C-alpha atoms as a PDB file:
ATOM      1  CA  MET A   1       0.000   0.000   0.000  1.00  0.00           C
ATOM      2  CA  ALA A   2       1.278   3.470  -0.926  1.00  0.00           C
ATOM      3  CA  GLN A   3       2.269   5.771   1.924  1.00  0.00           C
ATOM      4  CA  LYS A   4      -0.298   8.482   2.588  1.00  0.00           C
ATOM      5  CA  THR A   5       2.234  11.281   2.313  1.00  0.00           C
ATOM      6  CA  LEU A   6      -0.354  13.676   0.883  1.00  0.00           C
ATOM      7  CA  SER A   7      -3.124  13.271   3.457  1.00  0.00           C
ATOM      8  CA  GLY A   8      -4.929  16.597   3.855  1.00  0.00           C
ATOM      9  CA  VAL A   9      -3.730  17.872   0.468  1.00  0.00           C
ATOM     10  CA  TYR A  10      -6.333  19.204  -1.970  1.00  0.00           C
ATOM     11  CA  ALA A  11      -5.362  18.879  -5.629  1.00  0.00           C
ATOM     12  CA  LEU A  12      -6.977  19.574  -8.983  1.00  0.00           C
ATOM     13  CA  VAL A  13      -5.815  17.880 -12.182  1.00  0.00           C
ATOM     14  CA  SER A  14      -7.095  19.118 -15.532  1.00  0.00           C
ATOM     15  CA  GLY A  15      -7.520  16.703 -18.422  1.00  0.00           C
ATOM     16  CA  ALA A  16      -7.822  14.017 -15.763  1.00  0.00           C
ATOM     17  CA  SER A  17     -10.229  11.531 -17.322  1.00  0.00           C
ATOM     18  CA  SER A  18      -7.555   9.672 -19.331  1.00  0.00           C
ATOM     19  CA  GLY A  19      -3.869   9.429 -20.199  1.00  0.00           C
ATOM     20  CA  LEU A  20      -1.329  11.388 -18.176  1.00  0.00           C
ATOM     21  CA  GLY A  21      -4.041  13.210 -16.230  1.00  0.00           C
ATOM     22  CA  TYR A  22      -5.639   9.968 -15.089  1.00  0.00           C
ATOM     23  CA  ALA A  23      -2.277   8.486 -14.094  1.00  0.00           C
ATOM     24  CA  MET A  24      -1.305  11.565 -12.094  1.00  0.00           C
ATOM     25  CA  SER A  25      -4.712  11.713 -10.408  1.00  0.00           C
ATOM     26  CA  GLU A  26      -4.368   8.071  -9.432  1.00  0.00           C
ATOM     27  CA  ALA A  27      -0.901   8.645  -7.979  1.00  0.00           C
ATOM     28  CA  LEU A  28      -2.040  11.647  -5.938  1.00  0.00           C
ATOM     29  CA  LEU A  29      -5.063   9.722  -4.649  1.00  0.00           C
ATOM     30  CA  GLU A  30      -2.935   6.717  -3.723  1.00  0.00           C
ATOM     31  CA  ALA A  31      -0.712   9.068  -1.730  1.00  0.00           C
ATOM     32  CA  GLY A  32      -3.752  10.241   0.251  1.00  0.00           C
ATOM     33  CA  ALA A  33      -4.693  13.490  -1.486  1.00  0.00           C
ATOM     34  CA  SER A  34      -8.227  14.630  -2.222  1.00  0.00           C
ATOM     35  CA  VAL A  35      -8.379  15.122  -5.981  1.00  0.00           C
ATOM     36  CA  ALA A  36     -10.783  16.989  -8.235  1.00  0.00           C
ATOM     37  CA  LEU A  37     -10.608  15.376 -11.657  1.00  0.00           C
ATOM     38  CA  ALA A  38     -11.315  18.264 -13.993  1.00  0.00           C
ATOM     39  CA  SER A  39     -12.285  17.447 -17.557  1.00  0.00           C
ATOM     40  CA  ARG A  40     -15.003  18.016 -20.080  1.00  0.00           C
ATOM     41  CA  LYS A  41     -18.302  16.645 -18.857  1.00  0.00           C
ATOM     42  CA  GLY A  42     -19.048  13.147 -20.102  1.00  0.00           C
ATOM     43  CA  PRO A  43     -19.042   9.419 -19.357  1.00  0.00           C
ATOM     44  CA  LEU A  44     -15.231   9.166 -19.426  1.00  0.00           C
ATOM     45  CA  LEU A  45     -14.935  11.552 -16.489  1.00  0.00           C
ATOM     46  CA  GLU A  46     -17.787   9.938 -14.572  1.00  0.00           C
ATOM     47  CA  GLN A  47     -16.337   6.446 -15.065  1.00  0.00           C
ATOM     48  CA  ALA A  48     -12.875   7.525 -13.947  1.00  0.00           C
ATOM     49  CA  VAL A  49     -14.174   9.121 -10.757  1.00  0.00           C
ATOM     50  CA  ALA A  50     -16.560   6.249  -9.996  1.00  0.00           C
ATOM     51  CA  GLY A  51     -13.676   3.798 -10.342  1.00  0.00           C
ATOM     52  CA  PHE A  52     -11.531   5.766  -7.908  1.00  0.00           C
ATOM     53  CA  GLN A  53     -14.375   6.160  -5.422  1.00  0.00           C
ATOM     54  CA  LYS A  54     -14.962   2.399  -5.466  1.00  0.00           C
ATOM     55  CA  ARG A  55     -11.358   1.998  -4.364  1.00  0.00           C
ATOM     56  CA  GLY A  56     -12.047   4.262  -1.396  1.00  0.00           C
ATOM     57  CA  PHE A  57     -10.327   7.368  -2.731  1.00  0.00           C
ATOM     58  CA  ASP A  58     -11.564  10.925  -2.167  1.00  0.00           C
ATOM     59  CA  ALA A  59     -12.073  11.673  -5.870  1.00  0.00           C
ATOM     60  CA  HIS A  60     -14.455  14.277  -7.266  1.00  0.00           C
ATOM     61  CA  ALA A  61     -15.737  14.921 -10.781  1.00  0.00           C
ATOM     62  CA  LEU A  62     -15.337  18.562 -11.749  1.00  0.00           C
ATOM     63  CA  PRO A  63     -16.584  19.321 -15.277  1.00  0.00           C
ATOM     64  CA  MET A  64     -14.431  22.098 -16.713  1.00  0.00           C
ATOM     65  CA  ASP A  65     -13.656  23.430 -20.173  1.00  0.00           C
ATOM     66  CA  VAL A  66     -10.237  25.072 -19.910  1.00  0.00           C
ATOM     67  CA  ARG A  67     -10.999  27.247 -22.936  1.00  0.00           C
ATOM     68  CA  SER A  68     -13.918  28.921 -21.167  1.00  0.00           C
ATOM     69  CA  GLU A  69     -13.286  31.596 -18.558  1.00  0.00           C
ATOM     70  CA  GLU A  70     -16.836  31.069 -17.262  1.00  0.00           C
ATOM     71  CA  SER A  71     -16.272  27.322 -16.866  1.00  0.00           C
ATOM     72  CA  VAL A  72     -12.959  27.898 -15.080  1.00  0.00           C
ATOM     73  CA  ASN A  73     -14.591  30.426 -12.772  1.00  0.00           C
ATOM     74  CA  GLN A  74     -17.270  27.873 -11.892  1.00  0.00           C
ATOM     75  CA  ALA A  75     -14.538  25.372 -11.016  1.00  0.00           C
ATOM     76  CA  VAL A  76     -12.836  27.967  -8.819  1.00  0.00           C
ATOM     77  CA  GLU A  77     -16.146  28.614  -7.057  1.00  0.00           C
ATOM     78  CA  TRP A  78     -16.629  24.867  -6.480  1.00  0.00           C
ATOM     79  CA  VAL A  79     -13.180  24.477  -4.940  1.00  0.00           C
ATOM     80  CA  ASP A  80     -13.678  27.529  -2.740  1.00  0.00           C
ATOM     81  CA  ARG A  81     -17.126  26.351  -1.599  1.00  0.00           C
ATOM     82  CA  VAL A  82     -16.339  22.656  -1.048  1.00  0.00           C
ATOM     83  CA  TRP A  83     -12.685  22.700   0.023  1.00  0.00           C
ATOM     84  CA  GLY A  84     -11.978  26.309   0.927  1.00  0.00           C
ATOM     85  CA  ARG A  85      -8.508  26.108  -0.606  1.00  0.00           C
ATOM     86  CA  LEU A  86      -6.408  24.476  -3.313  1.00  0.00           C
ATOM     87  CA  ASP A  87      -2.941  23.184  -2.475  1.00  0.00           C
ATOM     88  CA  VAL A  88      -1.900  21.728  -5.835  1.00  0.00           C
ATOM     89  CA  LEU A  89      -2.959  22.634  -9.364  1.00  0.00           C
ATOM     90  CA  VAL A  90      -1.850  20.361 -12.200  1.00  0.00           C
ATOM     91  CA  ASN A  91      -2.332  21.963 -15.615  1.00  0.00           C
ATOM     92  CA  ASN A  92      -2.491  19.018 -17.990  1.00  0.00           C
ATOM     93  CA  ALA A  93      -5.509  19.405 -20.297  1.00  0.00           C
ATOM     94  CA  GLY A  94      -4.484  19.495 -23.919  1.00  0.00           C
ATOM     95  CA  ILE A  95      -5.109  18.224 -27.413  1.00  0.00           C
ATOM     96  CA  GLY A  96      -2.532  16.817 -29.801  1.00  0.00           C
ATOM     97  CA  MET A  97      -1.575  16.939 -33.449  1.00  0.00           C
ATOM     98  CA  ARG A  98      -4.155  14.310 -34.374  1.00  0.00           C
ATOM     99  CA  THR A  99      -6.848  17.004 -34.056  1.00  0.00           C
ATOM    100  CA  VAL A 100      -5.124  18.957 -36.831  1.00  0.00           C
ATOM    101  CA  ASN A 101      -3.718  16.140 -38.956  1.00  0.00           C
ATOM    102  CA  PRO A 102      -4.751  12.542 -38.117  1.00  0.00           C
ATOM    103  CA  LYS A 103      -1.772  11.267 -40.128  1.00  0.00           C
ATOM    104  CA  PHE A 104       0.770  13.581 -38.516  1.00  0.00           C
ATOM    105  CA  LEU A 105       3.088  10.673 -37.683  1.00  0.00           C
ATOM    106  CA  THR A 106       3.297   9.257 -41.190  1.00  0.00           C
ATOM    107  CA  GLU A 107       2.374  12.223 -43.381  1.00  0.00           C
ATOM    108  CA  PRO A 108       3.413  15.429 -41.606  1.00  0.00           C
ATOM    109  CA  GLN A 109       1.986  18.558 -43.191  1.00  0.00           C
ATOM    110  CA  PRO A 110       3.807  21.909 -43.356  1.00  0.00           C
ATOM    111  CA  PHE A 111       2.653  24.781 -41.171  1.00  0.00           C
ATOM    112  CA  TYR A 112       1.168  26.687 -44.116  1.00  0.00           C
ATOM    113  CA  GLN A 113      -1.386  23.942 -44.635  1.00  0.00           C
ATOM    114  CA  VAL A 114      -2.707  24.309 -41.098  1.00  0.00           C
ATOM    115  CA  THR A 115      -5.899  26.376 -41.079  1.00  0.00           C
ATOM    116  CA  PRO A 116      -6.178  29.396 -38.789  1.00  0.00           C
ATOM    117  CA  GLU A 117      -9.151  27.717 -37.089  1.00  0.00           C
ATOM    118  CA  GLU A 118      -7.124  24.577 -36.329  1.00  0.00           C
ATOM    119  CA  PHE A 119      -4.234  26.674 -35.035  1.00  0.00           C
ATOM    120  CA  ARG A 120      -6.464  28.748 -32.761  1.00  0.00           C
ATOM    121  CA  GLU A 121      -8.327  25.742 -31.349  1.00  0.00           C
ATOM    122  CA  LEU A 122      -5.163  23.971 -30.270  1.00  0.00           C
ATOM    123  CA  ILE A 123      -3.523  27.118 -28.881  1.00  0.00           C
ATOM    124  CA  ASP A 124      -6.758  27.997 -27.037  1.00  0.00           C
ATOM    125  CA  THR A 125      -6.689  24.604 -25.324  1.00  0.00           C
ATOM    126  CA  ASN A 126      -2.992  23.947 -24.730  1.00  0.00           C
ATOM    127  CA  LEU A 127      -1.743  27.449 -23.963  1.00  0.00           C
ATOM    128  CA  THR A 128      -4.628  29.785 -23.191  1.00  0.00           C
ATOM    129  CA  GLY A 129      -6.205  26.969 -21.174  1.00  0.00           C
ATOM    130  CA  TYR A 130      -3.160  26.780 -18.892  1.00  0.00           C
ATOM    131  CA  PHE A 131      -3.265  30.564 -18.506  1.00  0.00           C
ATOM    132  CA  LEU A 132      -6.983  30.712 -17.697  1.00  0.00           C
ATOM    133  CA  VAL A 133      -6.856  27.902 -15.132  1.00  0.00           C
ATOM    134  CA  ALA A 134      -3.722  29.241 -13.409  1.00  0.00           C
ATOM    135  CA  ARG A 135      -5.169  32.753 -13.506  1.00  0.00           C
ATOM    136  CA  GLY A 136      -8.345  31.467 -11.884  1.00  0.00           C
ATOM    137  CA  PHE A 137      -6.704  29.627  -8.994  1.00  0.00           C
ATOM    138  CA  ALA A 138      -3.568  31.712  -8.363  1.00  0.00           C
ATOM    139  CA  PRO A 139      -5.352  34.420  -6.305  1.00  0.00           C
ATOM    140  CA  MET A 140      -6.644  31.712  -3.948  1.00  0.00           C
ATOM    141  CA  MET A 141      -3.072  30.484  -3.425  1.00  0.00           C
ATOM    142  CA  VAL A 142      -1.586  33.984  -3.159  1.00  0.00           C
ATOM    143  CA  GLY A 143      -4.181  34.847  -0.525  1.00  0.00           C
ATOM    144  CA  ARG A 144      -2.977  31.922   1.611  1.00  0.00           C
ATOM    145  CA  GLY A 145       0.686  32.545   0.843  1.00  0.00           C
ATOM    146  CA  LYS A 146       1.005  28.934  -0.222  1.00  0.00           C
ATOM    147  CA  GLY A 147       0.400  26.663  -3.232  1.00  0.00           C
ATOM    148  CA  ARG A 148       1.871  24.533  -5.988  1.00  0.00           C
ATOM    149  CA  ILE A 149       1.266  24.840  -9.717  1.00  0.00           C
ATOM    150  CA  ILE A 150       2.603  22.094 -11.970  1.00  0.00           C
ATOM    151  CA  ASN A 151       2.400  22.600 -15.722  1.00  0.00           C
ATOM    152  CA  ILE A 152       2.736  19.515 -17.900  1.00  0.00           C
ATOM    153  CA  SER A 153       4.960  19.954 -20.940  1.00  0.00           C
ATOM    154  CA  MET A 154       6.676  17.875 -23.620  1.00  0.00           C
ATOM    155  CA  ASN A 155      10.156  17.166 -24.978  1.00  0.00           C
ATOM    156  CA  HIS A 156      12.057  19.991 -26.653  1.00  0.00           C
ATOM    157  CA  GLU A 157      12.400  17.743 -29.713  1.00  0.00           C
ATOM    158  CA  THR A 158       8.627  17.897 -30.134  1.00  0.00           C
ATOM    159  CA  MET A 159       8.844  21.676 -30.316  1.00  0.00           C
ATOM    160  CA  LYS A 160      11.126  21.440 -33.348  1.00  0.00           C
ATOM    161  CA  ARG A 161       9.729  18.415 -35.165  1.00  0.00           C
ATOM    162  CA  LYS A 162       8.602  18.574 -38.789  1.00  0.00           C
ATOM    163  CA  GLY A 163       4.860  18.902 -39.161  1.00  0.00           C
ATOM    164  CA  PHE A 164       4.238  19.757 -35.490  1.00  0.00           C
ATOM    165  CA  VAL A 165       2.573  23.165 -35.866  1.00  0.00           C
ATOM    166  CA  PRO A 166       0.719  24.135 -33.743  1.00  0.00           C
ATOM    167  CA  TYR A 167       1.369  21.522 -31.015  1.00  0.00           C
ATOM    168  CA  GLY A 168       5.096  22.272 -30.757  1.00  0.00           C
ATOM    169  CA  PRO A 169       4.619  26.050 -30.421  1.00  0.00           C
ATOM    170  CA  SER A 170       1.861  25.512 -27.843  1.00  0.00           C
ATOM    171  CA  ARG A 171       4.207  23.584 -25.570  1.00  0.00           C
ATOM    172  CA  ALA A 172       7.147  25.940 -26.130  1.00  0.00           C
ATOM    173  CA  ALA A 173       4.920  28.832 -25.088  1.00  0.00           C
ATOM    174  CA  THR A 174       3.717  26.837 -22.083  1.00  0.00           C
ATOM    175  CA  GLU A 175       7.285  26.625 -20.830  1.00  0.00           C
ATOM    176  CA  SER A 176       7.841  30.370 -21.199  1.00  0.00           C
ATOM    177  CA  LEU A 177       4.542  30.959 -19.412  1.00  0.00           C
ATOM    178  CA  SER A 178       5.671  28.646 -16.605  1.00  0.00           C
ATOM    179  CA  TYR A 179       8.992  30.398 -16.057  1.00  0.00           C
ATOM    180  CA  ILE A 180       7.299  33.804 -15.921  1.00  0.00           C
ATOM    181  CA  MET A 181       4.569  32.508 -13.609  1.00  0.00           C
ATOM    182  CA  ALA A 182       7.280  31.190 -11.281  1.00  0.00           C
ATOM    183  CA  GLU A 183       8.896  34.623 -11.160  1.00  0.00           C
ATOM    184  CA  ASP A 184       5.566  36.392 -10.634  1.00  0.00           C
ATOM    185  CA  LEU A 185       4.597  34.110  -7.740  1.00  0.00           C
ATOM    186  CA  LYS A 186       7.877  33.370  -5.971  1.00  0.00           C
ATOM    187  CA  ASP A 187       7.419  36.229  -3.482  1.00  0.00           C
ATOM    188  CA  HIS A 188       3.949  34.942  -2.579  1.00  0.00           C
ATOM    189  CA  GLY A 189       4.842  31.434  -1.419  1.00  0.00           C
ATOM    190  CA  VAL A 190       3.479  29.817  -4.593  1.00  0.00           C
ATOM    191  CA  THR A 191       5.745  27.594  -6.673  1.00  0.00           C
ATOM    192  CA  VAL A 192       5.500  26.781 -10.379  1.00  0.00           C
ATOM    193  CA  ASN A 193       7.274  23.834 -11.968  1.00  0.00           C
ATOM    194  CA  MET A 194       7.116  21.896 -15.219  1.00  0.00           C
ATOM    195  CA  LEU A 195       6.892  18.138 -15.574  1.00  0.00           C
ATOM    196  CA  LEU A 196       7.140  16.109 -18.765  1.00  0.00           C
ATOM    197  CA  PRO A 197       7.257  12.367 -19.451  1.00  0.00           C
ATOM    198  CA  GLY A 198      10.544  12.237 -21.357  1.00  0.00           C
ATOM    199  CA  GLY A 199       9.265  10.463 -24.451  1.00  0.00           C
ATOM    200  CA  ALA A 200       6.170   9.360 -26.308  1.00  0.00           C
ATOM    201  CA  THR A 201       3.577   7.889 -23.965  1.00  0.00           C
ATOM    202  CA  VAL A 202       0.628   5.569 -24.424  1.00  0.00           C
ATOM    203  CA  THR A 203      -2.154   8.169 -24.522  1.00  0.00           C
ATOM    204  CA  GLY A 204      -5.021   9.196 -26.759  1.00  0.00           C
ATOM    205  CA  MET A 205      -2.750  11.678 -28.518  1.00  0.00           C
ATOM    206  CA  ILE A 206      -1.293   8.769 -30.500  1.00  0.00           C
ATOM    207  CA  PRO A 207      -3.839   7.372 -32.969  1.00  0.00           C
ATOM    208  CA  ASP A 208      -4.587   3.676 -32.374  1.00  0.00           C
ATOM    209  CA  GLU A 209      -3.942   2.822 -36.031  1.00  0.00           C
ATOM    210  CA  PHE A 210      -0.333   4.038 -35.736  1.00  0.00           C
ATOM    211  CA  ARG A 211       0.485   2.711 -32.270  1.00  0.00           C
ATOM    212  CA  GLY A 212       1.800  -0.634 -33.481  1.00  0.00           C
ATOM    213  CA  LYS A 213       4.113   1.003 -36.006  1.00  0.00           C
ATOM    214  CA  ILE A 214       5.428   3.447 -33.410  1.00  0.00           C
ATOM    215  CA  GLU A 215       6.042   0.703 -30.871  1.00  0.00           C
ATOM    216  CA  SER A 216       8.136  -1.135 -33.463  1.00  0.00           C
ATOM    217  CA  MET A 217      10.407   1.912 -33.655  1.00  0.00           C
ATOM    218  CA  VAL A 218      10.439   3.257 -30.080  1.00  0.00           C
ATOM    219  CA  SER A 219       9.348   2.104 -26.644  1.00  0.00           C
ATOM    220  CA  LEU A 220       6.255   4.000 -25.565  1.00  0.00           C
ATOM    221  CA  LEU A 221       6.227   5.088 -21.944  1.00  0.00           C
ATOM    222  CA  ASP A 222       3.478   4.096 -19.550  1.00  0.00           C
ATOM    223  CA  PRO A 223       1.616   7.203 -18.275  1.00  0.00           C
ATOM    224  CA  ARG A 224       2.467   6.024 -14.745  1.00  0.00           C
ATOM    225  CA  ILE A 225       5.974   7.353 -15.404  1.00  0.00           C
ATOM    226  CA  MET A 226       4.502  10.608 -14.060  1.00  0.00           C
ATOM    227  CA  ALA A 227       3.370   9.090 -10.744  1.00  0.00           C
ATOM    228  CA  GLU A 228       6.465   9.424  -8.575  1.00  0.00           C
ATOM    229  CA  PRO A 229       7.479  12.936  -9.679  1.00  0.00           C
ATOM    230  CA  ILE A 230       3.946  14.351  -9.395  1.00  0.00           C
ATOM    231  CA  VAL A 231       3.623  13.040  -5.841  1.00  0.00           C
ATOM    232  CA  TYR A 232       7.034  14.470  -5.004  1.00  0.00           C
ATOM    233  CA  LEU A 233       6.140  17.909  -6.396  1.00  0.00           C
ATOM    234  CA  ALA A 234       2.959  17.903  -4.304  1.00  0.00           C
ATOM    235  CA  SER A 235       4.769  16.821  -1.136  1.00  0.00           C
ATOM    236  CA  LYS A 236       6.436  18.666   1.726  1.00  0.00           C
ATOM    237  CA  GLU A 237       9.829  17.602   0.372  1.00  0.00           C
ATOM    238  CA  ALA A 238       9.354  19.884  -2.636  1.00  0.00           C
ATOM    239  CA  GLU A 239       8.708  22.956  -0.492  1.00  0.00           C
ATOM    240  CA  GLY A 240      10.298  26.024  -2.069  1.00  0.00           C
ATOM    241  CA  ILE A 241      11.302  24.325  -5.331  1.00  0.00           C
ATOM    242  CA  THR A 242      10.219  26.514  -8.234  1.00  0.00           C
ATOM    243  CA  GLY A 243      11.043  27.271 -11.863  1.00  0.00           C
ATOM    244  CA  GLN A 244      12.212  23.703 -12.482  1.00  0.00           C
ATOM    245  CA  ARG A 245      11.730  21.638 -15.628  1.00  0.00           C
ATOM    246  CA  ILE A 246      11.629  17.998 -14.572  1.00  0.00           C
ATOM    247  CA  VAL A 247      11.766  15.063 -16.987  1.00  0.00           C
ATOM    248  CA  ALA A 248      10.000  12.037 -15.500  1.00  0.00           C
ATOM    249  CA  THR A 249      12.367   9.483 -17.053  1.00  0.00           C
ATOM    250  CA  GLU A 250      15.278  11.336 -15.430  1.00  0.00           C
ATOM    251  CA  PHE A 251      13.532  12.089 -12.139  1.00  0.00           C
ATOM    252  CA  HIS A 252      15.727   9.921  -9.897  1.00  0.00           C
ATOM    253  CA  LYS A 253      18.886  11.427 -11.387  1.00  0.00           C
ATOM    254  CA  TRP A 254      17.491  14.965 -10.955  1.00  0.00           C
ATOM    255  CA  LEU A 255      16.423  14.262  -7.383  1.00  0.00           C
ATOM    256  CA  ALA A 256      19.760  12.725  -6.422  1.00  0.00           C
ATOM    257  CA  ALA A 257      21.641  15.738  -7.820  1.00  0.00           C
ATOM    258  CA  ARG A 258      19.355  18.098  -5.931  1.00  0.00           C
ATOM    259  CA  ARG A 259      19.819  16.270  -2.650  1.00  0.00           C
ATOM    260  CA  GLU A 260      23.591  16.360  -3.078  1.00  0.00           C
ATOM    261  CA  SER A 261      23.691  20.098  -3.805  1.00  0.00           C
END
């Protein structure tokens, strides 16, 4: 049984109904945290939460569209009314290249073939969504002089890969946003860090029809690769750590170096 190192911790994970978000929610719950699984309303979210509740975890379904300021505000109101505070915010909700080009892995298309509508939709979700959610919850944390924000990112290689507009730019901008957020909040007791898997993971962002071909070329990571580092970043041990970019596959090496310094 996992140690309940996060008992009494209230956390919200966006994009939590599947993939990395589900894995991180599970890890936080196993460590004893109360977790609001924030995602678009639907059976996937309800099933995820019901499954966690059956296991005795304090999991809550929180329908939220990260692209909507009104929806984010409603989520903030729920947290304030039900919990009275938020200790950990995990910005994870995002959409991938398959929403722009379903064959992006085998037939990458140049940026000039991406429509403005497709570009805006992905940026609105992956970048503006992080901004809106952090903007919504930051005042609550600043008011308490305490809080953790963890923004999920992706490999730098993805930001430079052929045919990866607008996903690559959305994640590059997310990292700049994270560094600036860390600077803006460091005098208020609120930390901001980035966490990324360290390679392609088995999530819905990879089309099922291409998964076999990809697995023949590279080893796909299990989303649970995020479990240990997300629990660490939410724990007392990570107090004061901010502005860090942590790669999950290199977490033990990063942690060892930090403990030695």
